[in-house]
């Protein structure tokens, strides 16, 4: 939670396009924490997240919803159309941020060894 990527005002919105084979059932996990003291109160950082063109987080207020300096993970199950597009949109206040993105397959049964998720 000590590093983040944030989208400053102006320019294009922060976006990732990640290749994942068509038809692969996956879970997209977003790791988020507001740690900036300039946005530590409710309503000071509010943003949206779209996943493959669908709004999955609308008016997310990390300090207001989760608490300032508290990490959270939001997960979404989808089936890949060949590319996973994650778009962070500026909302009513300040800039969107993300601490980490994880994509895992939902059709792989853990076998007790590391590496089963390496295919994604």
C-alpha atoms as a PDB file:
ATOM      1  CA  UNK A   1       0.000   0.000   0.000  1.00  0.00           C
ATOM      2  CA  UNK A   2       3.010   2.309  -0.023  1.00  0.00           C
ATOM      3  CA  UNK A   3       2.965   2.950  -3.779  1.00  0.00           C
ATOM      4  CA  UNK A   4       0.143   4.054  -6.013  1.00  0.00           C
ATOM      5  CA  UNK A   5      -0.606   5.201  -9.501  1.00  0.00           C
ATOM      6  CA  UNK A   6      -2.853   8.225  -9.719  1.00  0.00           C
ATOM      7  CA  UNK A   7      -4.267  10.234 -12.585  1.00  0.00           C
ATOM      8  CA  UNK A   8      -3.572  13.937 -12.310  1.00  0.00           C
ATOM      9  CA  UNK A   9      -6.105  16.415 -13.669  1.00  0.00           C
ATOM     10  CA  UNK A  10      -6.056  17.089 -17.397  1.00  0.00           C
ATOM     11  CA  UNK A  11      -5.135  14.819 -20.254  1.00  0.00           C
ATOM     12  CA  UNK A  12      -6.629  11.419 -20.938  1.00  0.00           C
ATOM     13  CA  UNK A  13      -8.078   9.218 -18.218  1.00  0.00           C
ATOM     14  CA  UNK A  14      -5.871   6.517 -16.661  1.00  0.00           C
ATOM     15  CA  UNK A  15      -6.481   3.215 -18.459  1.00  0.00           C
ATOM     16  CA  UNK A  16      -5.028  -0.282 -18.783  1.00  0.00           C
ATOM     17  CA  UNK A  17      -5.681  -2.696 -21.677  1.00  0.00           C
ATOM     18  CA  UNK A  18      -4.499  -6.149 -20.648  1.00  0.00           C
ATOM     19  CA  UNK A  19      -4.540  -9.064 -23.101  1.00  0.00           C
ATOM     20  CA  UNK A  20      -6.378 -12.139 -21.824  1.00  0.00           C
ATOM     21  CA  UNK A  21      -7.464 -14.982 -24.133  1.00  0.00           C
ATOM     22  CA  UNK A  22     -11.048 -14.784 -25.370  1.00  0.00           C
ATOM     23  CA  UNK A  23     -13.484 -16.794 -23.255  1.00  0.00           C
ATOM     24  CA  UNK A  24     -11.250 -17.009 -20.183  1.00  0.00           C
ATOM     25  CA  UNK A  25     -13.251 -16.652 -16.940  1.00  0.00           C
ATOM     26  CA  UNK A  26     -11.303 -14.271 -14.725  1.00  0.00           C
ATOM     27  CA  UNK A  27     -11.562 -12.207 -11.602  1.00  0.00           C
ATOM     28  CA  UNK A  28     -10.220  -8.656 -11.715  1.00  0.00           C
ATOM     29  CA  UNK A  29      -9.061  -7.418  -8.327  1.00  0.00           C
ATOM     30  CA  UNK A  30      -8.365  -3.764  -7.651  1.00  0.00           C
ATOM     31  CA  UNK A  31      -6.339  -2.846  -4.572  1.00  0.00           C
ATOM     32  CA  UNK A  32      -7.044   0.677  -3.349  1.00  0.00           C
ATOM     33  CA  UNK A  33      -6.081   2.881  -0.401  1.00  0.00           C
ATOM     34  CA  UNK A  34      -6.267   6.627   0.040  1.00  0.00           C
ATOM     35  CA  UNK A  35      -3.159   7.609   1.965  1.00  0.00           C
ATOM     36  CA  UNK A  36      -2.794  11.258   0.946  1.00  0.00           C
ATOM     37  CA  UNK A  37      -3.384  13.617   3.850  1.00  0.00           C
ATOM     38  CA  UNK A  38      -4.777  16.209   1.422  1.00  0.00           C
ATOM     39  CA  UNK A  39      -7.732  13.880   0.695  1.00  0.00           C
ATOM     40  CA  UNK A  40      -8.246  12.243   4.079  1.00  0.00           C
ATOM     41  CA  UNK A  41     -11.827  13.446   4.639  1.00  0.00           C
ATOM     42  CA  UNK A  42     -15.091  12.190   3.138  1.00  0.00           C
ATOM     43  CA  UNK A  43     -15.749  13.599  -0.329  1.00  0.00           C
ATOM     44  CA  UNK A  44     -12.221  14.849  -1.019  1.00  0.00           C
ATOM     45  CA  UNK A  45     -11.364  12.082  -3.534  1.00  0.00           C
ATOM     46  CA  UNK A  46     -14.286  10.622  -5.478  1.00  0.00           C
ATOM     47  CA  UNK A  47     -13.845   8.690  -8.738  1.00  0.00           C
ATOM     48  CA  UNK A  48     -15.308   5.990 -10.991  1.00  0.00           C
ATOM     49  CA  UNK A  49     -13.924   2.771 -12.433  1.00  0.00           C
ATOM     50  CA  UNK A  50     -15.109   1.097 -15.646  1.00  0.00           C
ATOM     51  CA  UNK A  51     -14.338  -2.501 -16.510  1.00  0.00           C
ATOM     52  CA  UNK A  52     -14.736  -3.377 -20.197  1.00  0.00           C
ATOM     53  CA  UNK A  53     -16.974  -0.347 -20.704  1.00  0.00           C
ATOM     54  CA  UNK A  54     -19.223  -0.992 -17.687  1.00  0.00           C
ATOM     55  CA  UNK A  55     -19.096   1.192 -14.576  1.00  0.00           C
ATOM     56  CA  UNK A  56     -18.245  -1.135 -11.683  1.00  0.00           C
ATOM     57  CA  UNK A  57     -17.367   1.523  -9.094  1.00  0.00           C
ATOM     58  CA  UNK A  58     -19.481   4.667  -9.205  1.00  0.00           C
ATOM     59  CA  UNK A  59     -18.519   7.630  -7.022  1.00  0.00           C
ATOM     60  CA  UNK A  60     -15.996   5.633  -5.010  1.00  0.00           C
ATOM     61  CA  UNK A  61     -14.943   7.658  -1.971  1.00  0.00           C
ATOM     62  CA  UNK A  62     -12.145   5.703  -0.322  1.00  0.00           C
ATOM     63  CA  UNK A  63     -11.823   7.908   2.773  1.00  0.00           C
ATOM     64  CA  UNK A  64     -15.592   8.113   3.188  1.00  0.00           C
ATOM     65  CA  UNK A  65     -16.467   4.489   2.343  1.00  0.00           C
ATOM     66  CA  UNK A  66     -13.486   2.577   3.755  1.00  0.00           C
ATOM     67  CA  UNK A  67     -11.557   5.082   5.839  1.00  0.00           C
ATOM     68  CA  UNK A  68      -8.419   7.099   5.329  1.00  0.00           C
ATOM     69  CA  UNK A  69      -5.176   5.110   5.265  1.00  0.00           C
ATOM     70  CA  UNK A  70      -7.099   1.829   5.017  1.00  0.00           C
ATOM     71  CA  UNK A  71      -6.559  -0.641   2.192  1.00  0.00           C
ATOM     72  CA  UNK A  72      -9.400  -2.380   0.409  1.00  0.00           C
ATOM     73  CA  UNK A  73      -9.819  -4.800  -2.466  1.00  0.00           C
ATOM     74  CA  UNK A  74     -12.739  -4.797  -4.895  1.00  0.00           C
ATOM     75  CA  UNK A  75     -13.217  -7.829  -7.152  1.00  0.00           C
ATOM     76  CA  UNK A  76     -15.238  -8.403 -10.317  1.00  0.00           C
ATOM     77  CA  UNK A  77     -15.907 -11.659 -12.173  1.00  0.00           C
ATOM     78  CA  UNK A  78     -15.972 -11.415 -15.968  1.00  0.00           C
ATOM     79  CA  UNK A  79     -15.265 -13.497 -19.048  1.00  0.00           C
ATOM     80  CA  UNK A  80     -12.562 -12.007 -21.253  1.00  0.00           C
ATOM     81  CA  UNK A  81     -13.362 -10.783 -24.747  1.00  0.00           C
ATOM     82  CA  UNK A  82      -9.645 -10.804 -25.587  1.00  0.00           C
ATOM     83  CA  UNK A  83      -8.660  -7.689 -23.658  1.00  0.00           C
ATOM     84  CA  UNK A  84      -9.457  -6.476 -20.164  1.00  0.00           C
ATOM     85  CA  UNK A  85      -9.900  -2.706 -20.196  1.00  0.00           C
ATOM     86  CA  UNK A  86      -9.787  -0.928 -16.841  1.00  0.00           C
ATOM     87  CA  UNK A  87     -10.566   2.786 -16.947  1.00  0.00           C
ATOM     88  CA  UNK A  88     -10.250   5.096 -13.951  1.00  0.00           C
ATOM     89  CA  UNK A  89     -12.406   8.197 -14.459  1.00  0.00           C
ATOM     90  CA  UNK A  90     -12.235  11.483 -12.603  1.00  0.00           C
ATOM     91  CA  UNK A  91     -15.321  11.921 -10.480  1.00  0.00           C
ATOM     92  CA  UNK A  92     -16.587  14.874  -8.523  1.00  0.00           C
ATOM     93  CA  UNK A  93     -13.398  15.450  -6.517  1.00  0.00           C
ATOM     94  CA  UNK A  94      -9.652  15.057  -6.981  1.00  0.00           C
ATOM     95  CA  UNK A  95      -7.913  12.244  -8.879  1.00  0.00           C
ATOM     96  CA  UNK A  96      -8.463   8.486  -9.214  1.00  0.00           C
ATOM     97  CA  UNK A  97      -5.820   6.144  -7.841  1.00  0.00           C
ATOM     98  CA  UNK A  98      -4.949   2.452  -7.707  1.00  0.00           C
ATOM     99  CA  UNK A  99      -2.374   0.568  -5.646  1.00  0.00           C
ATOM    100  CA  UNK A 100      -2.507  -2.720  -7.505  1.00  0.00           C
ATOM    101  CA  UNK A 101      -4.319  -4.712 -10.165  1.00  0.00           C
ATOM    102  CA  UNK A 102      -4.521  -8.504 -10.094  1.00  0.00           C
ATOM    103  CA  UNK A 103      -6.160 -10.741 -12.683  1.00  0.00           C
ATOM    104  CA  UNK A 104      -6.662 -14.403 -11.861  1.00  0.00           C
ATOM    105  CA  UNK A 105      -8.309 -17.255 -13.705  1.00  0.00           C
ATOM    106  CA  UNK A 106     -11.489 -18.648 -12.197  1.00  0.00           C
ATOM    107  CA  UNK A 107     -11.315 -21.954 -14.073  1.00  0.00           C
ATOM    108  CA  UNK A 108      -8.064 -23.198 -12.509  1.00  0.00           C
ATOM    109  CA  UNK A 109      -8.266 -25.280  -9.357  1.00  0.00           C
ATOM    110  CA  UNK A 110      -5.344 -24.585  -7.037  1.00  0.00           C
ATOM    111  CA  UNK A 111      -3.046 -27.585  -7.008  1.00  0.00           C
ATOM    112  CA  UNK A 112      -0.978 -26.645  -3.999  1.00  0.00           C
ATOM    113  CA  UNK A 113       1.952 -25.277  -6.019  1.00  0.00           C
ATOM    114  CA  UNK A 114       2.919 -21.810  -7.105  1.00  0.00           C
ATOM    115  CA  UNK A 115       2.590 -20.880 -10.742  1.00  0.00           C
ATOM    116  CA  UNK A 116      -0.912 -22.070 -11.686  1.00  0.00           C
ATOM    117  CA  UNK A 117      -1.959 -18.453 -12.321  1.00  0.00           C
ATOM    118  CA  UNK A 118       1.062 -17.687 -14.515  1.00  0.00           C
ATOM    119  CA  UNK A 119      -0.925 -18.399 -17.670  1.00  0.00           C
ATOM    120  CA  UNK A 120      -2.984 -15.199 -17.426  1.00  0.00           C
END
